[in-house]
Amino acid sequence: MFRVRVSSFFAGAAAASVAGVYLLYKDYKVAHDSIFRQVRDTSQSFDERYEALDKRITALEKQKEVQNVNIVETAKEEF
């Protein structure tokens, strides 16, 4: 009778272990996918921000070049 109880206990412990490992694995996958999506979305928004920033910087540089050319032309006309 004792052997039956011990074997039943170990069979139950093994089944519970398998179920626990499965639940932990499932939880791990959900967390991993969530973090992956957050990182992907963040990196995409950074790319969009940098593209917009690059456009603004380029526009300011062009504006500065035009101002410098105007200053040089004005200086030439004065002399």
C-alpha atoms as a PDB file:
ATOM      1  CA  MET A   1       0.000   0.000   0.000  1.00  0.00           C
ATOM      2  CA  PHE A   2       2.863   2.350   0.809  1.00  0.00           C
ATOM      3  CA  ARG A   3       4.404   1.864  -2.664  1.00  0.00           C
ATOM      4  CA  VAL A   4       1.131   2.798  -4.334  1.00  0.00           C
ATOM      5  CA  ARG A   5       0.914   6.004  -2.314  1.00  0.00           C
ATOM      6  CA  VAL A   6       4.540   6.935  -3.022  1.00  0.00           C
ATOM      7  CA  SER A   7       4.217   6.223  -6.730  1.00  0.00           C
ATOM      8  CA  SER A   8       0.972   8.232  -6.867  1.00  0.00           C
ATOM      9  CA  PHE A   9       2.681  11.106  -5.086  1.00  0.00           C
ATOM     10  CA  PHE A  10       5.575  11.121  -7.556  1.00  0.00           C
ATOM     11  CA  ALA A  11       3.230  10.815 -10.521  1.00  0.00           C
ATOM     12  CA  GLY A  12       1.264  13.824  -9.237  1.00  0.00           C
ATOM     13  CA  ALA A  13       4.443  15.789  -8.566  1.00  0.00           C
ATOM     14  CA  ALA A  14       5.676  15.038 -12.088  1.00  0.00           C
ATOM     15  CA  ALA A  15       2.366  16.138 -13.620  1.00  0.00           C
ATOM     16  CA  ALA A  16       2.365  19.318 -11.537  1.00  0.00           C
ATOM     17  CA  SER A  17       5.970  20.005 -12.563  1.00  0.00           C
ATOM     18  CA  VAL A  18       5.136  19.616 -16.241  1.00  0.00           C
ATOM     19  CA  ALA A  19       2.122  21.917 -15.875  1.00  0.00           C
ATOM     20  CA  GLY A  20       4.206  24.469 -13.962  1.00  0.00           C
ATOM     21  CA  VAL A  21       6.979  24.456 -16.552  1.00  0.00           C
ATOM     22  CA  TYR A  22       4.408  24.894 -19.318  1.00  0.00           C
ATOM     23  CA  LEU A  23       2.780  27.843 -17.536  1.00  0.00           C
ATOM     24  CA  LEU A  24       6.156  29.478 -16.862  1.00  0.00           C
ATOM     25  CA  TYR A  25       7.181  29.011 -20.490  1.00  0.00           C
ATOM     26  CA  LYS A  26       3.901  30.509 -21.675  1.00  0.00           C
ATOM     27  CA  ASP A  27       4.333  33.476 -19.309  1.00  0.00           C
ATOM     28  CA  TYR A  28       7.911  33.935 -20.533  1.00  0.00           C
ATOM     29  CA  LYS A  29       6.808  33.982 -24.173  1.00  0.00           C
ATOM     30  CA  VAL A  30       4.061  36.548 -23.497  1.00  0.00           C
ATOM     31  CA  ALA A  31       6.504  38.811 -21.636  1.00  0.00           C
ATOM     32  CA  HIS A  32       9.149  38.412 -24.340  1.00  0.00           C
ATOM     33  CA  ASP A  33       6.702  39.291 -27.120  1.00  0.00           C
ATOM     34  CA  SER A  34       5.440  42.300 -25.182  1.00  0.00           C
ATOM     35  CA  ILE A  35       8.939  43.667 -24.611  1.00  0.00           C
ATOM     36  CA  PHE A  36       9.885  42.960 -28.225  1.00  0.00           C
ATOM     37  CA  ARG A  37       6.866  44.939 -29.473  1.00  0.00           C
ATOM     38  CA  GLN A  38       7.678  47.848 -27.159  1.00  0.00           C
ATOM     39  CA  VAL A  39      11.299  47.972 -28.329  1.00  0.00           C
ATOM     40  CA  ARG A  40      10.267  47.722 -31.970  1.00  0.00           C
ATOM     41  CA  ASP A  41       7.717  50.527 -31.601  1.00  0.00           C
ATOM     42  CA  THR A  42      10.222  52.682 -29.737  1.00  0.00           C
ATOM     43  CA  SER A  43      12.917  52.182 -32.353  1.00  0.00           C
ATOM     44  CA  GLN A  44      10.466  53.036 -35.133  1.00  0.00           C
ATOM     45  CA  SER A  45       9.383  56.205 -33.392  1.00  0.00           C
ATOM     46  CA  PHE A  46      13.053  57.135 -32.856  1.00  0.00           C
ATOM     47  CA  ASP A  47      13.697  56.673 -36.572  1.00  0.00           C
ATOM     48  CA  GLU A  48      10.739  58.902 -37.394  1.00  0.00           C
ATOM     49  CA  ARG A  49      11.907  61.526 -34.913  1.00  0.00           C
ATOM     50  CA  TYR A  50      15.447  61.489 -36.293  1.00  0.00           C
ATOM     51  CA  GLU A  51      14.185  61.804 -39.845  1.00  0.00           C
ATOM     52  CA  ALA A  52      12.112  64.831 -38.873  1.00  0.00           C
ATOM     53  CA  LEU A  53      15.055  66.283 -36.962  1.00  0.00           C
ATOM     54  CA  ASP A  54      17.377  65.752 -39.935  1.00  0.00           C
ATOM     55  CA  LYS A  55      14.922  67.571 -42.194  1.00  0.00           C
ATOM     56  CA  ARG A  56      14.736  70.494 -39.787  1.00  0.00           C
ATOM     57  CA  ILE A  57      18.526  70.683 -39.455  1.00  0.00           C
ATOM     58  CA  THR A  58      18.949  70.563 -43.234  1.00  0.00           C
ATOM     59  CA  ALA A  59      16.409  73.364 -43.661  1.00  0.00           C
ATOM     60  CA  LEU A  60      18.182  75.498 -41.047  1.00  0.00           C
ATOM     61  CA  GLU A  61      21.567  74.882 -42.668  1.00  0.00           C
ATOM     62  CA  LYS A  62      20.202  75.933 -46.056  1.00  0.00           C
ATOM     63  CA  GLN A  63      18.674  79.035 -44.501  1.00  0.00           C
ATOM     64  CA  LYS A  64      22.000  79.881 -42.869  1.00  0.00           C
ATOM     65  CA  GLU A  65      23.858  79.418 -46.185  1.00  0.00           C
ATOM     66  CA  VAL A  66      21.410  81.768 -47.908  1.00  0.00           C
ATOM     67  CA  GLN A  67      21.919  84.362 -45.184  1.00  0.00           C
ATOM     68  CA  ASN A  68      25.703  84.051 -45.469  1.00  0.00           C
ATOM     69  CA  VAL A  69      25.527  84.505 -49.249  1.00  0.00           C
ATOM     70  CA  ASN A  70      23.341  87.582 -48.798  1.00  0.00           C
ATOM     71  CA  ILE A  71      25.794  89.040 -46.283  1.00  0.00           C
ATOM     72  CA  VAL A  72      28.729  88.461 -48.632  1.00  0.00           C
ATOM     73  CA  GLU A  73      26.872  90.013 -51.573  1.00  0.00           C
ATOM     74  CA  THR A  74      25.895  93.018 -49.445  1.00  0.00           C
ATOM     75  CA  ALA A  75      29.502  93.440 -48.344  1.00  0.00           C
ATOM     76  CA  LYS A  76      30.713  93.311 -51.966  1.00  0.00           C
ATOM     77  CA  GLU A  77      28.176  95.938 -53.010  1.00  0.00           C
ATOM     78  CA  GLU A  78      29.280  98.301 -50.214  1.00  0.00           C
ATOM     79  CA  PHE A  79      32.903  98.233 -51.329  1.00  0.00           C
END
